[in-house]
Amino acid sequence: MYIFCLLFVMSSAHQLIESDEDLYKTVTNDINNLERKMNKKFEKIVTTFLHSIDSKCSKEIIGPLYEAAKGKVAKQSSLYQGKHFPASLALDGNTGTFSHTNTERNPSWWVDLGRLFRVVRIEVYSRRECCGSYLHDMDVTVGSSLKNMSLCTHYKGPAKTGEHFVLECEATMVG
């Protein structure tokens, strides 16, 4: 009986909120703000935890650096000529393949690592046969979601064709 009444009251409240557009927007904004705050707090907790591990454990115990992105899901802002060179080609482990966006004002490429990692550096291989100079003025960001990113480093470039370069984060980041 009590559960039914509670469900009825909640359903009625939901209908009332939906019928009042201003109230609906306010509640939606409050929920979104709360979610952002929770994500920031969670990231701070994880960062604090990892710094604690760093101060108490040696690098050998934590483990060596490894390629966290290989084989993960990657996306980019566009495909070259609408169909060529998808983001996944940048993560296939073959330095002879590459991803490529269309010519656009702010092209972007990102990878979902599937879980949080301590990010120390990002290694980049430019194309071997041409076009290394396409890699320039890159902001490398790290975060727990696309909506919650922080700058790891900036690469002015331009890169050279066939160049392998390492971009070090200014501090260890969680993302």
N, C-alpha and C. Protein backbone atom coordinates (compact mmCIF):
# COMPACT_ATOMS: atom_id res chain seq x y z
N MET A 1 0.82 -1.19 0.00
CA MET A 1 0.00 0.00 0.00
C MET A 1 0.87 1.25 0.00
N TYR A 2 1.89 1.28 0.88
CA TYR A 2 2.75 2.45 0.95
C TYR A 2 3.57 2.62 -0.32
N ILE A 3 4.05 1.51 -0.87
CA ILE A 3 4.84 1.58 -2.11
C ILE A 3 4.00 2.12 -3.24
N PHE A 4 2.76 1.66 -3.36
CA PHE A 4 1.87 2.14 -4.41
C PHE A 4 1.66 3.65 -4.28
N CYS A 5 1.41 4.12 -3.05
CA CYS A 5 1.20 5.55 -2.82
C CYS A 5 2.44 6.36 -3.18
N LEU A 6 3.60 5.85 -2.81
CA LEU A 6 4.85 6.53 -3.12
C LEU A 6 5.05 6.61 -4.62
N LEU A 7 4.80 5.51 -5.32
CA LEU A 7 4.93 5.51 -6.78
C LEU A 7 3.95 6.48 -7.41
N PHE A 8 2.72 6.52 -6.90
CA PHE A 8 1.71 7.43 -7.43
C PHE A 8 2.14 8.88 -7.21
N VAL A 9 2.64 9.20 -6.02
CA VAL A 9 3.09 10.56 -5.71
C VAL A 9 4.26 10.93 -6.61
N MET A 10 5.22 10.01 -6.78
CA MET A 10 6.38 10.29 -7.64
C MET A 10 5.93 10.50 -9.07
N SER A 11 5.01 9.69 -9.55
CA SER A 11 4.51 9.82 -10.91
C SER A 11 3.80 11.16 -11.09
N SER A 12 3.01 11.54 -10.11
CA SER A 12 2.31 12.83 -10.17
C SER A 12 3.29 13.98 -10.15
N ALA A 13 4.33 13.88 -9.33
CA ALA A 13 5.35 14.93 -9.26
C ALA A 13 6.07 15.04 -10.60
N HIS A 14 6.38 13.91 -11.21
CA HIS A 14 7.06 13.91 -12.51
C HIS A 14 6.18 14.59 -13.56
N GLN A 15 4.88 14.29 -13.57
CA GLN A 15 3.97 14.93 -14.53
C GLN A 15 3.90 16.43 -14.29
N LEU A 16 3.89 16.84 -13.01
CA LEU A 16 3.84 18.25 -12.67
C LEU A 16 5.09 18.95 -13.18
N ILE A 17 6.26 18.32 -12.97
CA ILE A 17 7.52 18.92 -13.42
C ILE A 17 7.54 19.02 -14.95
N GLU A 18 7.11 17.97 -15.65
CA GLU A 18 7.11 18.02 -17.11
C GLU A 18 6.16 19.08 -17.64
N SER A 19 5.05 19.34 -16.95
CA SER A 19 4.08 20.32 -17.44
C SER A 19 4.56 21.74 -17.20
N ASP A 20 5.49 21.95 -16.30
CA ASP A 20 6.03 23.28 -16.03
C ASP A 20 7.42 23.36 -16.65
N GLU A 21 7.52 23.96 -17.84
CA GLU A 21 8.76 23.96 -18.61
C GLU A 21 9.92 24.60 -17.85
N ASP A 22 9.66 25.72 -17.16
CA ASP A 22 10.72 26.38 -16.39
C ASP A 22 11.23 25.49 -15.26
N LEU A 23 10.31 24.85 -14.55
CA LEU A 23 10.70 23.94 -13.47
C LEU A 23 11.48 22.76 -14.03
N TYR A 24 11.03 22.24 -15.17
CA TYR A 24 11.71 21.11 -15.81
C TYR A 24 13.15 21.49 -16.17
N LYS A 25 13.34 22.68 -16.74
CA LYS A 25 14.70 23.13 -17.10
C LYS A 25 15.56 23.31 -15.86
N THR A 26 14.97 23.87 -14.81
CA THR A 26 15.72 24.08 -13.57
C THR A 26 16.16 22.75 -12.97
N VAL A 27 15.25 21.81 -12.88
CA VAL A 27 15.58 20.49 -12.32
C VAL A 27 16.63 19.80 -13.18
N THR A 28 16.48 19.87 -14.51
CA THR A 28 17.45 19.26 -15.42
C THR A 28 18.82 19.89 -15.25
N ASN A 29 18.88 21.22 -15.15
CA ASN A 29 20.16 21.91 -14.94
C ASN A 29 20.78 21.51 -13.60
N ASP A 30 19.94 21.43 -12.56
CA ASP A 30 20.45 21.03 -11.24
C ASP A 30 21.04 19.62 -11.28
N ILE A 31 20.37 18.72 -11.97
CA ILE A 31 20.87 17.34 -12.09
C ILE A 31 22.19 17.32 -12.85
N ASN A 32 22.27 18.07 -13.96
CA ASN A 32 23.52 18.12 -14.74
C ASN A 32 24.66 18.72 -13.93
N ASN A 33 24.38 19.79 -13.16
CA ASN A 33 25.41 20.40 -12.32
C ASN A 33 25.88 19.43 -11.25
N LEU A 34 24.95 18.71 -10.64
CA LEU A 34 25.31 17.72 -9.63
C LEU A 34 26.19 16.63 -10.22
N GLU A 35 25.84 16.17 -11.43
CA GLU A 35 26.63 15.14 -12.10
C GLU A 35 28.05 15.63 -12.37
N ARG A 36 28.20 16.88 -12.83
CA ARG A 36 29.54 17.44 -13.07
C ARG A 36 30.33 17.51 -11.77
N LYS A 37 29.69 17.96 -10.70
CA LYS A 37 30.38 18.05 -9.41
C LYS A 37 30.82 16.67 -8.93
N MET A 38 29.96 15.67 -9.10
CA MET A 38 30.30 14.32 -8.68
C MET A 38 31.47 13.78 -9.50
N ASN A 39 31.49 14.04 -10.81
CA ASN A 39 32.60 13.60 -11.66
C ASN A 39 33.90 14.24 -11.22
N LYS A 40 33.87 15.54 -10.91
CA LYS A 40 35.09 16.22 -10.47
C LYS A 40 35.57 15.67 -9.13
N LYS A 41 34.63 15.43 -8.20
CA LYS A 41 35.01 14.87 -6.90
C LYS A 41 35.61 13.48 -7.07
N PHE A 42 34.98 12.65 -7.93
CA PHE A 42 35.48 11.31 -8.17
C PHE A 42 36.90 11.36 -8.76
N GLU A 43 37.11 12.25 -9.74
CA GLU A 43 38.43 12.37 -10.34
C GLU A 43 39.46 12.82 -9.29
N LYS A 44 39.06 13.74 -8.41
CA LYS A 44 39.97 14.21 -7.36
C LYS A 44 40.31 13.07 -6.39
N ILE A 45 39.31 12.25 -6.05
CA ILE A 45 39.55 11.11 -5.16
C ILE A 45 40.53 10.14 -5.80
N VAL A 46 40.31 9.82 -7.08
CA VAL A 46 41.19 8.88 -7.79
C VAL A 46 42.60 9.46 -7.89
N THR A 47 42.71 10.75 -8.22
CA THR A 47 44.02 11.39 -8.33
C THR A 47 44.74 11.35 -6.98
N THR A 48 44.04 11.69 -5.91
CA THR A 48 44.63 11.65 -4.57
C THR A 48 45.09 10.24 -4.23
N PHE A 49 44.27 9.25 -4.54
CA PHE A 49 44.61 7.85 -4.28
C PHE A 49 45.87 7.45 -5.05
N LEU A 50 45.93 7.83 -6.34
CA LEU A 50 47.09 7.46 -7.14
C LEU A 50 48.36 8.17 -6.68
N HIS A 51 48.23 9.44 -6.25
CA HIS A 51 49.40 10.13 -5.71
C HIS A 51 49.86 9.45 -4.43
N SER A 52 48.92 8.97 -3.63
CA SER A 52 49.26 8.25 -2.41
C SER A 52 50.02 6.96 -2.75
N ILE A 53 49.55 6.26 -3.76
CA ILE A 53 50.25 5.04 -4.20
C ILE A 53 51.66 5.39 -4.67
N ASP A 54 51.78 6.47 -5.46
CA ASP A 54 53.09 6.88 -5.95
C ASP A 54 54.07 7.16 -4.82
N SER A 55 53.56 7.78 -3.76
CA SER A 55 54.46 8.13 -2.67
C SER A 55 54.82 6.93 -1.80
N LYS A 56 54.01 5.86 -1.85
CA LYS A 56 54.25 4.72 -0.97
C LYS A 56 54.80 3.49 -1.69
N CYS A 57 54.71 3.48 -3.01
CA CYS A 57 55.13 2.30 -3.76
C CYS A 57 56.17 2.68 -4.79
N SER A 58 57.02 1.74 -5.10
CA SER A 58 58.00 2.00 -6.15
C SER A 58 57.37 1.78 -7.51
N LYS A 59 57.99 2.30 -8.55
CA LYS A 59 57.49 2.14 -9.91
C LYS A 59 57.44 0.65 -10.30
N GLU A 60 58.36 -0.15 -9.78
CA GLU A 60 58.37 -1.56 -10.12
C GLU A 60 57.10 -2.27 -9.63
N ILE A 61 56.61 -1.87 -8.46
CA ILE A 61 55.41 -2.49 -7.93
C ILE A 61 54.19 -2.08 -8.76
N ILE A 62 54.11 -0.80 -9.12
CA ILE A 62 52.98 -0.31 -9.90
C ILE A 62 53.02 -0.88 -11.31
N GLY A 63 54.19 -1.00 -11.88
CA GLY A 63 54.31 -1.58 -13.21
C GLY A 63 54.88 -0.59 -14.21
N PRO A 64 55.36 -1.12 -15.31
CA PRO A 64 55.99 -0.27 -16.34
C PRO A 64 54.93 0.46 -17.18
N LEU A 65 55.40 1.39 -17.96
CA LEU A 65 54.52 2.05 -18.91
C LEU A 65 54.13 1.06 -19.99
N TYR A 66 52.93 1.18 -20.50
CA TYR A 66 52.51 0.33 -21.61
C TYR A 66 51.49 1.06 -22.46
N GLU A 67 51.26 0.53 -23.62
CA GLU A 67 50.36 1.16 -24.57
C GLU A 67 48.91 0.84 -24.19
N ALA A 68 48.26 1.80 -23.56
CA ALA A 68 46.89 1.59 -23.08
C ALA A 68 45.86 1.74 -24.19
N ALA A 69 46.19 2.45 -25.26
CA ALA A 69 45.20 2.77 -26.29
C ALA A 69 45.06 1.71 -27.38
N LYS A 70 46.05 0.86 -27.56
CA LYS A 70 46.01 -0.10 -28.67
C LYS A 70 44.75 -0.96 -28.62
N GLY A 71 44.03 -0.96 -29.72
CA GLY A 71 42.84 -1.78 -29.84
C GLY A 71 41.58 -1.22 -29.18
N LYS A 72 41.69 -0.05 -28.57
CA LYS A 72 40.52 0.56 -27.91
C LYS A 72 39.65 1.29 -28.94
N VAL A 73 38.52 1.80 -28.49
CA VAL A 73 37.58 2.51 -29.36
C VAL A 73 38.05 3.95 -29.53
N ALA A 74 38.25 4.35 -30.78
CA ALA A 74 38.67 5.71 -31.08
C ALA A 74 37.67 6.33 -32.05
N LYS A 75 37.56 7.63 -31.98
CA LYS A 75 36.68 8.38 -32.88
C LYS A 75 37.38 9.66 -33.29
N GLN A 76 36.87 10.27 -34.36
CA GLN A 76 37.42 11.53 -34.82
C GLN A 76 36.30 12.40 -35.35
N SER A 77 36.59 13.69 -35.50
CA SER A 77 35.56 14.66 -35.84
C SER A 77 35.02 14.49 -37.26
N SER A 78 35.77 13.88 -38.15
CA SER A 78 35.30 13.64 -39.52
C SER A 78 36.16 12.56 -40.17
N LEU A 79 35.71 12.06 -41.31
CA LEU A 79 36.49 11.10 -42.10
C LEU A 79 36.96 11.79 -43.37
N TYR A 80 38.19 11.52 -43.76
CA TYR A 80 38.73 12.10 -44.98
C TYR A 80 37.85 11.73 -46.16
N GLN A 81 37.41 12.71 -46.89
CA GLN A 81 36.51 12.54 -48.03
C GLN A 81 35.26 11.75 -47.65
N GLY A 82 34.89 11.86 -46.37
CA GLY A 82 33.66 11.25 -45.89
C GLY A 82 33.68 9.75 -45.66
N LYS A 83 34.80 9.07 -46.01
CA LYS A 83 34.79 7.61 -45.88
C LYS A 83 36.14 6.96 -45.64
N HIS A 84 37.22 7.70 -45.71
CA HIS A 84 38.55 7.08 -45.63
C HIS A 84 39.25 7.37 -44.30
N PHE A 85 40.10 6.45 -43.89
CA PHE A 85 41.05 6.59 -42.78
C PHE A 85 40.38 6.87 -41.43
N PRO A 86 39.61 5.90 -40.91
CA PRO A 86 38.93 6.07 -39.62
C PRO A 86 39.92 6.12 -38.45
N ALA A 87 39.44 6.61 -37.33
CA ALA A 87 40.25 6.78 -36.12
C ALA A 87 40.91 5.49 -35.66
N SER A 88 40.25 4.37 -35.86
CA SER A 88 40.78 3.08 -35.39
C SER A 88 42.13 2.73 -36.02
N LEU A 89 42.41 3.26 -37.20
CA LEU A 89 43.69 2.95 -37.85
C LEU A 89 44.89 3.54 -37.10
N ALA A 90 44.64 4.54 -36.27
CA ALA A 90 45.73 5.12 -35.49
C ALA A 90 46.10 4.25 -34.29
N LEU A 91 45.29 3.23 -34.02
CA LEU A 91 45.50 2.38 -32.83
C LEU A 91 45.73 0.92 -33.16
N ASP A 92 46.00 0.61 -34.42
CA ASP A 92 46.10 -0.79 -34.81
C ASP A 92 47.49 -1.39 -34.61
N GLY A 93 48.43 -0.59 -34.09
CA GLY A 93 49.78 -1.09 -33.83
C GLY A 93 50.68 -1.07 -35.05
N ASN A 94 50.18 -0.64 -36.18
CA ASN A 94 50.94 -0.59 -37.42
C ASN A 94 51.28 0.86 -37.73
N THR A 95 52.57 1.22 -37.71
CA THR A 95 52.96 2.60 -37.98
C THR A 95 52.83 2.97 -39.45
N GLY A 96 52.43 2.02 -40.27
CA GLY A 96 52.21 2.31 -41.69
C GLY A 96 50.77 2.72 -42.00
N THR A 97 49.87 2.58 -41.03
CA THR A 97 48.49 3.02 -41.22
C THR A 97 48.27 4.29 -40.41
N PHE A 98 47.21 5.00 -40.73
CA PHE A 98 46.97 6.28 -40.06
C PHE A 98 45.49 6.64 -40.17
N SER A 99 45.07 7.55 -39.29
CA SER A 99 43.73 8.12 -39.40
C SER A 99 43.87 9.50 -40.03
N HIS A 100 42.77 10.00 -40.58
CA HIS A 100 42.84 11.29 -41.29
C HIS A 100 41.45 11.91 -41.27
N THR A 101 41.37 13.17 -40.85
CA THR A 101 40.10 13.89 -40.88
C THR A 101 40.01 14.69 -42.18
N ASN A 102 38.83 15.21 -42.44
CA ASN A 102 38.68 16.18 -43.52
C ASN A 102 39.40 17.45 -43.13
N THR A 103 39.62 18.33 -44.09
CA THR A 103 40.14 19.65 -43.76
C THR A 103 39.02 20.38 -43.02
N GLU A 104 39.30 20.79 -41.79
CA GLU A 104 38.30 21.48 -40.98
C GLU A 104 39.01 22.40 -40.00
N ARG A 105 38.27 23.33 -39.46
CA ARG A 105 38.86 24.35 -38.58
C ARG A 105 39.46 23.77 -37.30
N ASN A 106 38.75 22.91 -36.61
CA ASN A 106 39.24 22.32 -35.36
C ASN A 106 39.07 20.81 -35.37
N PRO A 107 39.88 20.11 -36.15
CA PRO A 107 39.74 18.65 -36.18
C PRO A 107 40.09 18.06 -34.82
N SER A 108 39.47 16.93 -34.50
CA SER A 108 39.79 16.28 -33.23
C SER A 108 39.76 14.77 -33.40
N TRP A 109 40.46 14.11 -32.49
CA TRP A 109 40.57 12.66 -32.47
C TRP A 109 40.64 12.28 -31.00
N TRP A 110 39.94 11.21 -30.60
CA TRP A 110 39.98 10.80 -29.20
C TRP A 110 39.83 9.30 -29.08
N VAL A 111 40.27 8.80 -27.93
CA VAL A 111 40.19 7.36 -27.65
C VAL A 111 39.60 7.15 -26.27
N ASP A 112 38.73 6.16 -26.16
CA ASP A 112 38.17 5.75 -24.88
C ASP A 112 38.99 4.57 -24.40
N LEU A 113 39.72 4.75 -23.32
CA LEU A 113 40.60 3.69 -22.80
C LEU A 113 39.83 2.62 -22.05
N GLY A 114 38.55 2.83 -21.81
CA GLY A 114 37.72 1.81 -21.17
C GLY A 114 37.72 1.86 -19.65
N ARG A 115 38.69 2.48 -19.08
CA ARG A 115 38.76 2.66 -17.63
C ARG A 115 39.77 3.77 -17.35
N LEU A 116 39.88 4.20 -16.11
CA LEU A 116 40.82 5.26 -15.76
C LEU A 116 42.25 4.72 -15.71
N PHE A 117 43.16 5.50 -16.25
CA PHE A 117 44.58 5.19 -16.23
C PHE A 117 45.34 6.40 -15.71
N ARG A 118 46.52 6.17 -15.20
CA ARG A 118 47.45 7.26 -14.94
C ARG A 118 48.13 7.54 -16.27
N VAL A 119 47.99 8.74 -16.77
CA VAL A 119 48.57 9.11 -18.06
C VAL A 119 49.81 9.96 -17.80
N VAL A 120 50.94 9.48 -18.29
CA VAL A 120 52.21 10.15 -18.10
C VAL A 120 52.66 10.80 -19.40
N ARG A 121 52.43 10.09 -20.49
CA ARG A 121 52.87 10.60 -21.79
C ARG A 121 52.05 9.97 -22.90
N ILE A 122 52.10 10.61 -24.04
CA ILE A 122 51.44 10.13 -25.24
C ILE A 122 52.50 10.06 -26.33
N GLU A 123 52.60 8.92 -27.00
CA GLU A 123 53.57 8.78 -28.08
C GLU A 123 52.84 8.85 -29.41
N VAL A 124 53.42 9.60 -30.34
CA VAL A 124 52.79 9.81 -31.65
C VAL A 124 53.78 9.43 -32.74
N TYR A 125 53.26 8.75 -33.75
CA TYR A 125 54.04 8.45 -34.95
C TYR A 125 53.36 9.17 -36.10
N SER A 126 54.10 10.05 -36.78
CA SER A 126 53.51 10.71 -37.94
C SER A 126 53.61 9.77 -39.14
N ARG A 127 52.84 10.08 -40.16
CA ARG A 127 52.83 9.22 -41.36
C ARG A 127 54.24 9.06 -41.92
N ARG A 128 54.53 7.86 -42.43
CA ARG A 128 55.88 7.55 -42.91
C ARG A 128 56.15 8.09 -44.31
N GLU A 129 55.12 8.14 -45.16
CA GLU A 129 55.38 8.47 -46.56
C GLU A 129 55.20 9.94 -46.90
N CYS A 130 54.44 10.67 -46.10
CA CYS A 130 54.26 12.10 -46.37
C CYS A 130 53.54 12.78 -45.22
N CYS A 131 53.40 14.06 -45.35
CA CYS A 131 52.42 14.85 -44.61
C CYS A 131 52.66 14.98 -43.11
N GLY A 132 53.87 14.77 -42.64
CA GLY A 132 54.15 14.93 -41.21
C GLY A 132 53.77 16.30 -40.70
N SER A 133 53.89 17.31 -41.56
CA SER A 133 53.61 18.69 -41.15
C SER A 133 52.14 18.92 -40.82
N TYR A 134 51.27 17.95 -41.15
CA TYR A 134 49.86 18.09 -40.79
C TYR A 134 49.68 18.08 -39.27
N LEU A 135 50.63 17.47 -38.57
CA LEU A 135 50.55 17.41 -37.10
C LEU A 135 51.20 18.67 -36.51
N HIS A 136 50.36 19.58 -36.08
CA HIS A 136 50.85 20.81 -35.47
C HIS A 136 49.74 21.44 -34.64
N ASP A 137 50.14 22.28 -33.70
CA ASP A 137 49.20 23.01 -32.84
C ASP A 137 48.14 22.09 -32.23
N MET A 138 48.63 21.02 -31.58
CA MET A 138 47.73 20.04 -30.97
C MET A 138 47.64 20.27 -29.46
N ASP A 139 46.43 20.35 -28.96
CA ASP A 139 46.19 20.31 -27.52
C ASP A 139 45.90 18.86 -27.18
N VAL A 140 46.70 18.29 -26.31
CA VAL A 140 46.49 16.92 -25.85
C VAL A 140 45.82 17.01 -24.49
N THR A 141 44.60 16.49 -24.41
CA THR A 141 43.84 16.58 -23.17
C THR A 141 43.55 15.18 -22.62
N VAL A 142 43.36 15.10 -21.32
CA VAL A 142 43.10 13.85 -20.64
C VAL A 142 41.97 14.10 -19.65
N GLY A 143 41.07 13.13 -19.51
CA GLY A 143 39.99 13.29 -18.54
C GLY A 143 39.15 12.04 -18.42
N SER A 144 38.20 12.10 -17.49
CA SER A 144 37.34 10.95 -17.24
C SER A 144 36.20 10.84 -18.25
N SER A 145 35.95 11.91 -19.00
CA SER A 145 34.94 11.90 -20.06
C SER A 145 35.25 13.06 -21.01
N LEU A 146 34.61 13.07 -22.17
CA LEU A 146 34.83 14.16 -23.12
C LEU A 146 34.40 15.51 -22.55
N LYS A 147 33.48 15.49 -21.59
CA LYS A 147 33.01 16.73 -20.98
C LYS A 147 33.90 17.18 -19.83
N ASN A 148 34.86 16.35 -19.44
CA ASN A 148 35.67 16.64 -18.27
C ASN A 148 37.15 16.42 -18.60
N MET A 149 37.69 17.27 -19.46
CA MET A 149 39.07 17.11 -19.93
C MET A 149 39.94 18.25 -19.40
N SER A 150 41.22 17.94 -19.19
CA SER A 150 42.21 18.93 -18.79
C SER A 150 43.42 18.81 -19.71
N LEU A 151 44.11 19.91 -19.89
CA LEU A 151 45.26 19.94 -20.78
C LEU A 151 46.42 19.15 -20.20
N CYS A 152 46.90 18.18 -20.96
CA CYS A 152 48.10 17.42 -20.61
C CYS A 152 49.32 18.19 -21.11
N THR A 153 49.28 18.54 -22.40
CA THR A 153 50.37 19.30 -23.00
C THR A 153 49.90 19.87 -24.33
N HIS A 154 50.68 20.77 -24.86
CA HIS A 154 50.41 21.33 -26.18
C HIS A 154 51.62 21.02 -27.06
N TYR A 155 51.36 20.60 -28.29
CA TYR A 155 52.43 20.33 -29.25
C TYR A 155 52.35 21.37 -30.35
N LYS A 156 53.36 22.22 -30.43
CA LYS A 156 53.37 23.27 -31.44
C LYS A 156 53.65 22.70 -32.82
N GLY A 157 54.69 21.85 -32.91
CA GLY A 157 55.03 21.25 -34.20
C GLY A 157 55.59 22.28 -35.15
N PRO A 158 55.57 22.00 -36.42
CA PRO A 158 54.99 20.82 -37.04
C PRO A 158 55.90 19.60 -36.91
N ALA A 159 55.27 18.43 -37.02
CA ALA A 159 56.03 17.18 -37.00
C ALA A 159 56.72 17.00 -38.36
N LYS A 160 57.66 16.10 -38.38
CA LYS A 160 58.33 15.73 -39.63
C LYS A 160 57.74 14.41 -40.12
N THR A 161 57.77 14.20 -41.39
CA THR A 161 57.29 12.94 -41.96
C THR A 161 58.07 11.78 -41.36
N GLY A 162 57.35 10.78 -40.87
CA GLY A 162 57.97 9.60 -40.27
C GLY A 162 58.49 9.79 -38.86
N GLU A 163 58.23 10.93 -38.25
CA GLU A 163 58.76 11.21 -36.92
C GLU A 163 57.98 10.47 -35.83
N HIS A 164 58.71 10.01 -34.83
CA HIS A 164 58.12 9.45 -33.61
C HIS A 164 58.45 10.44 -32.51
N PHE A 165 57.43 10.97 -31.86
CA PHE A 165 57.72 11.91 -30.78
C PHE A 165 56.88 11.59 -29.56
N VAL A 166 57.40 11.98 -28.41
CA VAL A 166 56.79 11.70 -27.12
C VAL A 166 56.31 13.01 -26.52
N LEU A 167 55.04 13.06 -26.17
CA LEU A 167 54.47 14.24 -25.53
C LEU A 167 54.28 13.93 -24.05
N GLU A 168 55.03 14.60 -23.21
CA GLU A 168 54.97 14.37 -21.76
C GLU A 168 53.92 15.28 -21.14
N CYS A 169 53.06 14.72 -20.32
CA CYS A 169 52.11 15.55 -19.57
C CYS A 169 52.90 16.36 -18.55
N GLU A 170 52.41 17.56 -18.24
CA GLU A 170 53.11 18.39 -17.28
C GLU A 170 53.09 17.77 -15.89
N ALA A 171 52.10 16.92 -15.63
CA ALA A 171 52.01 16.15 -14.38
C ALA A 171 51.26 14.87 -14.73
N THR A 172 51.42 13.86 -13.90
CA THR A 172 50.65 12.62 -14.12
C THR A 172 49.18 12.95 -13.99
N MET A 173 48.39 12.48 -14.96
CA MET A 173 46.97 12.78 -14.99
C MET A 173 46.17 11.49 -14.94
N VAL A 174 44.91 11.61 -14.55
CA VAL A 174 44.02 10.47 -14.51
C VAL A 174 42.97 10.67 -15.60
N GLY A 175 42.82 9.65 -16.44
CA GLY A 175 41.82 9.77 -17.51
C GLY A 175 41.60 8.46 -18.21
